[in-house]
Amino acid sequence: MSDQPPQATPPPGAPDPAAGQAGDPTAPPPVAPTPPSTDGPQFAPTPPSTVGDAQVAPTPPSAVGDAPGAPTSPPSDGSPAAAAPAGDASPSVGAASPAAGMPGSTPTGDAAGAQQPQGWVLPPTGGFPAGAGPYGGQPWYPGAPVVYPGAQFAYPGQQPGHGWYPPGIDPADPLVTPPGGGVSGWFDRCVGAVRRGWRLLLPILLLTQVLPAVVVSVVTLVLDPTAKWEESTADDPTALPDTFLADTGLLLAVVLGSALVFGLVQSLGWAAGTWVVTRQAAGEPVSLGAALAYGARRALGLWGWTLVMSLIIGLGICFCVIPGIYFAFALSMAGPVYLFERQHPIGRSYRMFHDRLGMLLGRVALVAAAVIVGSGAAGMVEGVGSLPFGTTPLESAGTAVGVLAVTLVGGVLALPAHLAQLVGLVVTYAEQRVQEGPVDSARLAGELG
């Protein structure tokens, strides 16, 4: 190294190398760094470093390349610090970058592993993992739609289990419960059918269900031989009345005959009510006269199939109660099948029951429970109300009118049970049909004819 001192005058634009030389007697005394201004964010100067026993004063910032307030320490060997060339953007060790702290700039590290200024935030990496899209998907297919509960079968272009339905199935259909609708969907459609059609259904059921039941009850009261039997067995209560067989045969013949005759009227009411429920769901016009006219056209055929079903159920009950109950559930769809399809009602009902045993059994059980509760309540009211009139209520006009009024009230109270049976079976049949293929209310209304 040369023993000559450096030039007295540095080149233009270059910092004075002798300004920070520790052993130069002509150098000015160390000057304390100026505290940072409060007018804006500045970097505090680096305090003087200590090399051995000598204290080195901070070097003032150069004109080009160093940020104000960022002094540079000279080398520890006492040699003058080399000035950075003009335009050099690389800061010295320990000096802050000119753009330090500014958004979007990249920090420059040093060999000594100096930490970045406090508050530095790394820019976000962004993007998504390889193979994944911006939306959640299935683990086996990233980015695929999330599976929602819905249709239980698939058609071309549909993944099984998605909440989409093939053409022809409307999940908002007011009569047909779509696949996956469950008991709540079935119940909502039953309630909706009652709300839409009660103004027509109640008169139909009153004329075709309540009045025939009241007539049969009155005939039973007229032919009831209980009072006559009590008189004939007053001396020997354990003995059978002399006219027991004759009176019993006559009563059974009249009651069964009346039931058969009025069964035709009841079939008319079932057909008319089914017509009203289906056409209202399809948005087609309905009227009481048109409903009764349709019921009259279908009553005879429906009545015949009802007799066959009643015979099968009765034989099952005679052999054992359980087979009778089984036949009642298995043949519950025979009436709607005849009205909508008009062929093989017993066979179709049997297949529906066994193909979807749990579904059909549950729906029909709910309908049967509603019918039993409603009919039981009406029968209880009628029985309790008839007690004050005795065993011979028709002997006087007053008691006859009273017992007739009680019987009529009991029949009216049974109206909800008839309504639940009609609506429940129609909605259940529509649900069974959609399990076999696309169907809606308009198609069912067209099938009725």
Protein backbone atom coordinates (compact mmCIF):
# COMPACT_ATOMS: atom_id res chain seq x y z
CA MET A 1 0.00 0.00 0.00
CA SER A 2 1.25 3.52 -0.78
CA ASP A 3 2.50 5.72 2.08
CA GLN A 4 1.35 8.86 0.26
CA PRO A 5 -1.84 10.48 1.50
CA PRO A 6 -4.80 10.59 -0.80
CA GLN A 7 -5.55 13.49 -3.06
CA ALA A 8 -6.68 16.62 -1.32
CA THR A 9 -9.56 17.14 -3.63
CA PRO A 10 -11.74 14.17 -4.55
CA PRO A 11 -13.15 13.85 -8.01
CA PRO A 12 -16.50 15.50 -8.67
CA GLY A 13 -19.46 13.45 -7.44
CA ALA A 14 -17.28 11.11 -5.29
CA PRO A 15 -17.26 11.11 -1.51
CA ASP A 16 -14.18 12.20 0.36
CA PRO A 17 -12.37 8.99 1.36
CA ALA A 18 -10.41 10.78 4.02
CA ALA A 19 -13.49 11.98 5.78
CA GLY A 20 -13.85 8.76 7.70
CA GLN A 21 -10.12 7.80 8.04
CA ALA A 22 -9.39 7.04 11.66
CA GLY A 23 -5.63 7.95 11.65
CA ASP A 24 -5.65 11.19 9.62
CA PRO A 25 -4.70 14.16 11.83
CA THR A 26 -6.21 16.59 9.38
CA ALA A 27 -9.60 14.90 9.52
CA PRO A 28 -12.36 16.81 11.26
CA PRO A 29 -13.42 15.56 14.65
CA PRO A 30 -16.23 13.02 14.77
CA VAL A 31 -19.63 14.57 14.44
CA ALA A 32 -22.62 13.05 16.22
CA PRO A 33 -25.29 11.88 13.80
CA THR A 34 -28.26 14.09 13.35
CA PRO A 35 -31.40 12.65 15.00
CA PRO A 36 -34.09 11.63 12.56
CA SER A 37 -36.62 14.20 11.56
CA THR A 38 -40.20 13.82 12.66
CA ASP A 39 -41.57 15.14 9.37
CA GLY A 40 -41.57 11.73 7.71
CA PRO A 41 -40.31 8.17 8.10
CA GLN A 42 -36.53 7.99 8.07
CA PHE A 43 -34.01 5.36 9.07
CA ALA A 44 -31.95 6.00 12.17
CA PRO A 45 -28.18 6.15 11.54
CA THR A 46 -26.03 3.28 12.62
CA PRO A 47 -24.20 4.14 15.86
CA PRO A 48 -20.42 4.35 15.62
CA SER A 49 -18.75 1.00 15.67
CA THR A 50 -15.81 0.21 17.86
CA VAL A 51 -12.73 -1.36 16.31
CA GLY A 52 -10.26 -2.33 18.96
CA ASP A 53 -9.80 0.66 21.26
CA ALA A 54 -10.45 3.32 18.63
CA GLN A 55 -13.85 4.69 17.99
CA VAL A 56 -14.77 5.17 14.37
CA ALA A 57 -17.06 8.01 13.46
CA PRO A 58 -19.94 7.33 11.12
CA THR A 59 -19.35 8.17 7.50
CA PRO A 60 -21.67 10.78 6.03
CA PRO A 61 -23.85 9.58 3.20
CA SER A 62 -22.53 9.78 -0.30
CA ALA A 63 -24.15 11.91 -2.87
CA VAL A 64 -25.12 9.04 -5.09
CA GLY A 65 -26.34 5.57 -4.12
CA ASP A 66 -26.79 5.93 -0.35
CA ALA A 67 -29.96 6.95 1.33
CA PRO A 68 -29.79 9.91 3.70
CA GLY A 69 -29.34 8.91 7.28
CA ALA A 70 -27.64 5.58 6.46
CA PRO A 71 -23.92 5.98 7.31
CA THR A 72 -21.39 3.38 6.38
CA SER A 73 -18.69 2.06 8.75
CA PRO A 74 -15.12 2.01 7.37
CA PRO A 75 -13.06 -1.16 7.20
CA SER A 76 -11.63 -2.36 10.46
CA ASP A 77 -8.00 -2.32 9.22
CA GLY A 78 -7.84 1.46 9.15
CA SER A 79 -7.61 1.82 5.36
CA PRO A 80 -9.81 4.39 3.71
CA ALA A 81 -13.20 3.20 2.64
CA ALA A 82 -13.64 2.73 -1.07
CA ALA A 83 -16.19 5.03 -2.53
CA ALA A 84 -19.02 3.45 -4.44
CA PRO A 85 -19.11 4.41 -8.08
CA ALA A 86 -21.81 6.71 -9.26
CA GLY A 87 -25.06 4.95 -10.04
CA ASP A 88 -24.27 1.88 -7.96
CA ALA A 89 -27.52 0.85 -6.29
CA SER A 90 -25.94 -1.80 -4.05
CA PRO A 91 -25.78 -0.57 -0.45
CA SER A 92 -22.80 -1.31 1.74
CA VAL A 93 -22.87 -3.68 4.67
CA GLY A 94 -25.22 -2.39 7.32
CA ALA A 95 -26.71 0.31 5.09
CA ALA A 96 -30.36 0.42 4.22
CA SER A 97 -31.50 -0.01 0.64
CA PRO A 98 -32.70 3.15 -1.06
CA ALA A 99 -36.12 1.59 -1.56
CA ALA A 100 -36.25 -0.14 1.81
CA GLY A 101 -39.67 -0.08 3.35
CA MET A 102 -41.43 0.73 0.09
CA PRO A 103 -44.17 -1.63 -1.07
CA GLY A 104 -43.27 -4.00 -3.85
CA SER A 105 -39.48 -3.76 -3.35
CA THR A 106 -37.28 -6.80 -2.83
CA PRO A 107 -35.04 -6.71 0.26
CA THR A 108 -31.31 -7.25 -0.21
CA GLY A 109 -29.62 -9.51 2.30
CA ASP A 110 -25.99 -9.45 3.40
CA ALA A 111 -23.32 -12.02 4.02
CA ALA A 112 -23.51 -11.52 7.77
CA GLY A 113 -27.15 -12.59 7.79
CA ALA A 114 -28.46 -9.21 8.98
CA GLN A 115 -32.16 -9.20 9.62
CA GLN A 116 -34.57 -7.14 7.57
CA PRO A 117 -36.05 -4.02 9.15
CA GLN A 118 -38.83 -4.77 11.57
CA GLY A 119 -42.28 -4.75 9.97
CA TRP A 120 -41.12 -6.22 6.65
CA VAL A 121 -43.88 -8.39 5.15
CA LEU A 122 -43.13 -10.97 2.51
CA PRO A 123 -45.36 -10.72 -0.55
CA PRO A 124 -48.02 -13.46 -0.86
CA THR A 125 -47.13 -16.38 -3.04
CA GLY A 126 -50.67 -16.70 -4.48
CA GLY A 127 -52.00 -19.50 -6.68
CA PHE A 128 -53.54 -22.84 -5.78
CA PRO A 129 -52.04 -26.24 -5.11
CA ALA A 130 -51.16 -28.27 -8.14
CA GLY A 131 -54.19 -30.04 -9.53
CA ALA A 132 -56.70 -28.02 -7.51
CA GLY A 133 -59.06 -25.33 -8.69
CA PRO A 134 -60.45 -22.24 -6.98
CA TYR A 135 -63.42 -24.14 -5.61
CA GLY A 136 -63.73 -27.13 -3.32
CA GLY A 137 -64.18 -30.52 -4.87
CA GLN A 138 -64.14 -34.18 -4.16
CA PRO A 139 -60.95 -35.79 -2.85
CA TRP A 140 -60.79 -38.09 -5.85
CA TYR A 141 -61.43 -35.32 -8.40
CA PRO A 142 -60.18 -31.84 -7.38
CA GLY A 143 -62.44 -29.08 -8.56
CA ALA A 144 -65.47 -31.33 -9.05
CA PRO A 145 -68.86 -30.13 -7.77
CA VAL A 146 -69.73 -30.96 -4.20
CA VAL A 147 -72.26 -33.79 -3.88
CA TYR A 148 -75.64 -32.73 -2.57
CA PRO A 149 -78.49 -35.05 -1.48
CA GLY A 150 -81.09 -35.47 -4.14
CA ALA A 151 -81.89 -37.87 -6.91
CA GLN A 152 -81.00 -41.48 -6.24
CA PHE A 153 -80.46 -42.46 -9.85
CA ALA A 154 -78.38 -41.09 -12.69
CA TYR A 155 -78.93 -40.33 -16.33
CA PRO A 156 -76.33 -39.59 -19.04
CA GLY A 157 -74.22 -36.66 -17.91
CA GLN A 158 -75.29 -36.80 -14.26
CA GLN A 159 -73.27 -38.05 -11.34
CA PRO A 160 -75.30 -40.31 -9.00
CA GLY A 161 -76.29 -38.58 -5.83
CA HIS A 162 -76.41 -35.04 -7.19
CA GLY A 163 -79.41 -32.81 -6.55
CA TRP A 164 -80.42 -32.81 -10.23
CA TYR A 165 -83.35 -34.66 -11.75
CA PRO A 166 -83.81 -36.01 -15.27
CA PRO A 167 -86.30 -34.40 -17.63
CA GLY A 168 -89.88 -35.06 -16.63
CA ILE A 169 -89.33 -34.85 -12.85
CA ASP A 170 -90.16 -31.55 -11.21
CA PRO A 171 -89.04 -31.38 -7.57
CA ALA A 172 -91.61 -28.62 -7.00
CA ASP A 173 -94.53 -30.67 -8.35
CA PRO A 174 -97.51 -30.17 -5.99
CA LEU A 175 -98.59 -33.82 -6.19
CA VAL A 176 -95.58 -35.98 -7.10
CA THR A 177 -92.95 -36.40 -4.40
CA PRO A 178 -89.54 -36.58 -6.16
CA PRO A 179 -87.00 -39.29 -5.33
CA GLY A 180 -85.31 -38.38 -2.09
CA GLY A 181 -88.20 -36.18 -0.92
CA GLY A 182 -88.81 -38.38 2.10
CA VAL A 183 -91.74 -38.36 4.48
CA SER A 184 -91.63 -34.57 4.80
CA GLY A 185 -92.09 -34.09 1.06
CA TRP A 186 -94.90 -36.64 1.01
CA PHE A 187 -96.63 -34.98 3.97
CA ASP A 188 -96.27 -31.49 2.45
CA ARG A 189 -98.02 -32.65 -0.71
CA CYS A 190 -100.82 -34.24 1.28
CA VAL A 191 -101.37 -30.99 3.15
CA GLY A 192 -101.19 -29.00 -0.08
CA ALA A 193 -103.81 -31.22 -1.72
CA VAL A 194 -106.17 -30.72 1.23
CA ARG A 195 -105.69 -26.95 1.15
CA ARG A 196 -106.35 -26.74 -2.57
CA GLY A 197 -109.38 -29.00 -2.74
CA TRP A 198 -111.19 -29.08 0.59
CA ARG A 199 -114.04 -26.92 -0.74
CA LEU A 200 -114.87 -29.60 -3.31
CA LEU A 201 -113.67 -32.68 -1.45
CA LEU A 202 -115.80 -32.11 1.65
CA PRO A 203 -119.13 -32.01 -0.27
CA ILE A 204 -118.12 -35.05 -2.32
CA LEU A 205 -117.19 -37.05 0.76
CA LEU A 206 -120.25 -35.86 2.65
CA LEU A 207 -122.55 -37.10 -0.12
CA THR A 208 -120.75 -40.33 -0.94
CA GLN A 209 -119.22 -41.42 2.38
CA VAL A 210 -121.01 -39.84 5.34
CA LEU A 211 -124.62 -40.16 4.18
CA PRO A 212 -124.31 -43.87 3.23
CA ALA A 213 -122.69 -44.57 6.61
CA VAL A 214 -125.53 -42.77 8.41
CA VAL A 215 -128.13 -44.76 6.46
CA VAL A 216 -126.44 -48.06 7.35
CA SER A 217 -126.34 -47.02 11.01
CA VAL A 218 -130.06 -46.16 11.01
CA VAL A 219 -130.93 -49.48 9.35
CA THR A 220 -128.89 -51.27 12.00
CA LEU A 221 -130.83 -49.47 14.76
CA VAL A 222 -134.16 -50.40 13.18
CA LEU A 223 -133.28 -54.09 12.88
CA ASP A 224 -131.35 -54.36 16.14
CA PRO A 225 -132.93 -57.36 17.98
CA THR A 226 -131.20 -56.67 21.29
CA ALA A 227 -134.32 -55.37 23.06
CA LYS A 228 -136.43 -58.31 21.91
CA TRP A 229 -133.78 -60.77 23.04
CA GLU A 230 -133.63 -59.24 26.50
CA GLU A 231 -137.38 -59.72 26.94
CA SER A 232 -137.31 -63.33 25.76
CA THR A 233 -134.42 -64.26 28.04
CA ALA A 234 -135.62 -62.48 31.16
CA ASP A 235 -136.44 -65.78 32.90
CA ASP A 236 -133.22 -67.55 31.81
CA PRO A 237 -130.41 -65.15 30.89
CA THR A 238 -128.10 -68.04 29.91
CA ALA A 239 -130.44 -69.40 27.24
CA LEU A 240 -130.37 -68.27 23.61
CA PRO A 241 -133.41 -66.39 22.32
CA ASP A 242 -135.82 -68.43 20.25
CA THR A 243 -135.37 -66.13 17.25
CA PHE A 244 -131.59 -65.72 17.59
CA LEU A 245 -130.57 -67.33 14.30
CA ALA A 246 -133.35 -65.75 12.27
CA ASP A 247 -132.79 -62.28 13.68
CA THR A 248 -129.02 -62.51 13.25
CA GLY A 249 -129.32 -63.72 9.66
CA LEU A 250 -131.74 -60.94 8.78
CA LEU A 251 -129.54 -58.30 10.34
CA LEU A 252 -126.42 -59.51 8.55
CA ALA A 253 -128.20 -59.76 5.20
CA VAL A 254 -129.59 -56.24 5.42
CA VAL A 255 -126.35 -54.70 6.63
CA LEU A 256 -124.22 -56.48 4.04
CA GLY A 257 -126.72 -55.69 1.29
CA SER A 258 -126.75 -52.03 2.27
CA ALA A 259 -122.98 -51.98 2.39
CA LEU A 260 -122.77 -53.48 -1.09
CA VAL A 261 -125.25 -51.01 -2.53
CA PHE A 262 -123.71 -48.02 -0.85
CA GLY A 263 -120.26 -49.30 -1.75
CA LEU A 264 -121.07 -48.31 -5.31
CA VAL A 265 -121.82 -44.77 -4.12
CA GLN A 266 -118.63 -44.71 -2.11
CA SER A 267 -116.63 -45.82 -5.15
CA LEU A 268 -118.14 -42.91 -7.05
CA GLY A 269 -116.86 -40.59 -4.33
CA TRP A 270 -113.34 -42.06 -4.37
CA ALA A 271 -113.09 -41.65 -8.13
CA ALA A 272 -114.47 -38.09 -8.02
CA GLY A 273 -112.10 -37.10 -5.22
CA THR A 274 -109.09 -38.55 -7.06
CA TRP A 275 -110.07 -36.57 -10.14
CA VAL A 276 -110.27 -33.33 -8.14
CA VAL A 277 -106.93 -33.81 -6.36
CA THR A 278 -105.04 -34.66 -9.55
CA ARG A 279 -106.47 -31.98 -11.81
CA GLN A 280 -106.02 -29.25 -9.22
CA ALA A 281 -102.36 -30.20 -8.86
CA ALA A 282 -102.00 -29.94 -12.64
CA GLY A 283 -103.65 -26.50 -12.64
CA GLU A 284 -106.70 -27.61 -14.62
CA PRO A 285 -110.24 -26.38 -13.88
CA VAL A 286 -112.50 -28.50 -11.69
CA SER A 287 -116.12 -28.37 -10.56
CA LEU A 288 -118.40 -30.45 -8.38
CA GLY A 289 -120.60 -31.54 -11.26
CA ALA A 290 -117.68 -32.58 -13.47
CA ALA A 291 -116.11 -34.49 -10.59
CA LEU A 292 -119.31 -36.43 -9.86
CA ALA A 293 -119.75 -37.15 -13.58
CA TYR A 294 -116.27 -38.62 -13.78
CA GLY A 295 -116.90 -40.63 -10.62
CA ALA A 296 -120.07 -42.07 -12.11
CA ARG A 297 -118.15 -43.29 -15.17
CA ARG A 298 -115.51 -45.05 -13.06
CA ALA A 299 -117.63 -46.16 -10.12
CA LEU A 300 -118.74 -49.55 -11.41
CA GLY A 301 -115.27 -50.81 -12.29
CA LEU A 302 -113.76 -49.47 -9.08
CA TRP A 303 -116.59 -51.01 -7.07
CA GLY A 304 -115.96 -54.43 -8.64
CA TRP A 305 -112.26 -54.39 -7.83
CA THR A 306 -113.06 -53.16 -4.33
CA LEU A 307 -115.28 -56.21 -3.79
CA VAL A 308 -112.48 -58.53 -4.92
CA MET A 309 -110.02 -56.85 -2.58
CA SER A 310 -112.50 -56.98 0.30
CA LEU A 311 -112.99 -60.70 -0.28
CA ILE A 312 -109.24 -61.37 -0.25
CA ILE A 313 -108.72 -59.31 2.90
CA GLY A 314 -111.72 -60.94 4.59
CA LEU A 315 -110.43 -64.44 3.87
CA GLY A 316 -107.05 -63.47 5.28
CA ILE A 317 -108.67 -62.22 8.47
CA CYS A 318 -110.73 -65.40 8.79
CA PHE A 319 -107.66 -67.64 8.63
CA CYS A 320 -105.56 -65.34 10.79
CA VAL A 321 -105.49 -61.63 11.45
CA ILE A 322 -101.93 -61.12 10.22
CA PRO A 323 -102.55 -62.34 6.63
CA GLY A 324 -105.54 -60.03 6.45
CA ILE A 325 -103.42 -57.06 7.49
CA TYR A 326 -100.76 -58.07 4.97
CA PHE A 327 -103.29 -58.20 2.14
CA ALA A 328 -104.73 -54.84 3.19
CA PHE A 329 -101.30 -53.20 2.83
CA ALA A 330 -100.30 -55.09 -0.31
CA LEU A 331 -103.53 -54.17 -2.13
CA SER A 332 -103.72 -50.57 -0.92
CA MET A 333 -102.70 -49.20 -4.34
CA ALA A 334 -105.22 -51.25 -6.34
CA GLY A 335 -107.84 -48.48 -6.41
CA PRO A 336 -105.52 -45.74 -7.72
CA VAL A 337 -103.92 -48.20 -10.16
CA TYR A 338 -107.33 -48.93 -11.66
CA LEU A 339 -108.24 -45.25 -12.00
CA PHE A 340 -104.93 -44.19 -13.57
CA GLU A 341 -103.86 -47.30 -15.47
CA ARG A 342 -107.10 -49.32 -15.75
CA GLN A 343 -105.39 -52.70 -15.96
CA HIS A 344 -104.06 -55.32 -13.55
CA PRO A 345 -104.71 -53.32 -10.36
CA ILE A 346 -104.11 -56.20 -7.95
CA GLY A 347 -100.90 -57.39 -9.61
CA ARG A 348 -99.53 -53.86 -9.98
CA SER A 349 -100.30 -53.02 -6.36
CA TYR A 350 -98.63 -56.22 -5.21
CA ARG A 351 -95.46 -55.44 -7.20
CA MET A 352 -95.31 -51.87 -5.95
CA PHE A 353 -95.59 -53.08 -2.38
CA HIS A 354 -92.75 -55.59 -2.72
CA ASP A 355 -90.47 -53.47 -4.91
CA ARG A 356 -90.44 -50.59 -2.40
CA LEU A 357 -91.60 -52.33 0.74
CA GLY A 358 -90.29 -49.86 3.31
CA MET A 359 -91.53 -46.75 1.53
CA LEU A 360 -95.03 -48.03 0.74
CA LEU A 361 -95.45 -49.72 4.11
CA GLY A 362 -94.54 -46.52 5.93
CA ARG A 363 -96.85 -44.28 3.88
CA VAL A 364 -99.84 -46.62 4.11
CA ALA A 365 -99.22 -47.11 7.83
CA LEU A 366 -99.44 -43.34 8.36
CA VAL A 367 -102.68 -43.20 6.38
CA ALA A 368 -104.10 -46.16 8.31
CA ALA A 369 -103.17 -44.54 11.63
CA ALA A 370 -104.97 -41.33 10.66
CA VAL A 371 -108.05 -43.29 9.57
CA ILE A 372 -108.12 -45.37 12.76
CA VAL A 373 -107.75 -42.33 15.01
CA GLY A 374 -110.38 -40.31 13.15
CA SER A 375 -112.89 -43.12 12.84
CA GLY A 376 -112.32 -44.20 16.45
CA ALA A 377 -112.97 -40.70 17.76
CA ALA A 378 -116.15 -40.39 15.68
CA GLY A 379 -117.38 -43.83 16.79
CA MET A 380 -116.71 -43.01 20.42
CA VAL A 381 -118.72 -39.79 20.20
CA GLU A 382 -121.58 -41.62 18.51
CA GLY A 383 -121.59 -44.46 21.05
CA VAL A 384 -121.47 -42.21 24.10
CA GLY A 385 -124.11 -39.89 22.66
CA SER A 386 -126.52 -42.78 21.98
CA LEU A 387 -126.45 -44.16 25.55
CA PRO A 388 -129.10 -41.78 26.99
CA PHE A 389 -131.64 -42.95 24.40
CA GLY A 390 -131.65 -46.58 25.59
CA THR A 391 -131.82 -49.79 23.60
CA THR A 392 -135.05 -48.85 21.82
CA PRO A 393 -134.51 -45.25 20.72
CA LEU A 394 -136.93 -45.50 17.80
CA GLU A 395 -140.02 -46.19 19.92
CA SER A 396 -140.68 -42.48 20.38
CA ALA A 397 -140.22 -39.51 18.07
CA GLY A 398 -138.07 -37.55 20.52
CA THR A 399 -135.52 -40.28 21.09
CA ALA A 400 -135.54 -41.16 17.41
CA VAL A 401 -134.64 -37.58 16.43
CA GLY A 402 -131.97 -37.47 19.13
CA VAL A 403 -130.27 -40.69 18.12
CA LEU A 404 -130.45 -39.69 14.45
CA ALA A 405 -128.75 -36.36 15.23
CA VAL A 406 -126.03 -38.12 17.20
CA THR A 407 -125.43 -40.53 14.32
CA LEU A 408 -125.18 -37.66 11.85
CA VAL A 409 -122.71 -35.81 14.07
CA GLY A 410 -120.58 -38.93 14.33
CA GLY A 411 -120.56 -39.29 10.55
CA VAL A 412 -119.49 -35.65 10.09
CA LEU A 413 -116.71 -36.11 12.62
CA ALA A 414 -115.43 -38.99 10.50
CA LEU A 415 -114.96 -36.68 7.50
CA PRO A 416 -111.27 -35.96 8.29
CA ALA A 417 -110.58 -39.70 8.30
CA HIS A 418 -112.14 -40.10 4.84
CA LEU A 419 -110.22 -37.08 3.58
CA ALA A 420 -106.91 -38.40 4.93
CA GLN A 421 -107.50 -41.77 3.31
CA LEU A 422 -108.33 -40.30 -0.10
CA VAL A 423 -105.50 -37.76 -0.27
CA GLY A 424 -102.92 -40.02 1.36
CA LEU A 425 -103.44 -42.89 -1.08
CA VAL A 426 -103.41 -40.64 -4.15
CA VAL A 427 -100.18 -38.90 -3.12
CA THR A 428 -98.62 -42.26 -2.24
CA TYR A 429 -99.51 -43.66 -5.67
CA ALA A 430 -97.94 -40.62 -7.38
CA GLU A 431 -94.76 -41.13 -5.37
CA GLN A 432 -94.64 -44.78 -6.39
CA ARG A 433 -95.02 -43.86 -10.05
CA VAL A 434 -92.11 -41.42 -10.05
CA GLN A 435 -89.88 -44.11 -8.58
CA GLU A 436 -90.48 -46.10 -11.77
CA GLY A 437 -89.86 -43.24 -14.21
CA PRO A 438 -90.41 -39.53 -14.87
CA VAL A 439 -94.00 -38.44 -14.26
CA ASP A 440 -95.75 -35.24 -13.20
CA SER A 441 -99.21 -34.00 -12.29
CA ALA A 442 -100.12 -33.11 -15.87
CA ARG A 443 -99.39 -36.62 -17.09
CA LEU A 444 -101.36 -38.19 -14.24
CA ALA A 445 -104.31 -35.90 -14.97
CA GLY A 446 -104.19 -36.99 -18.59
CA GLU A 447 -104.15 -40.66 -17.60
CA LEU A 448 -107.37 -40.23 -15.63
CA GLY A 449 -109.20 -39.41 -18.85
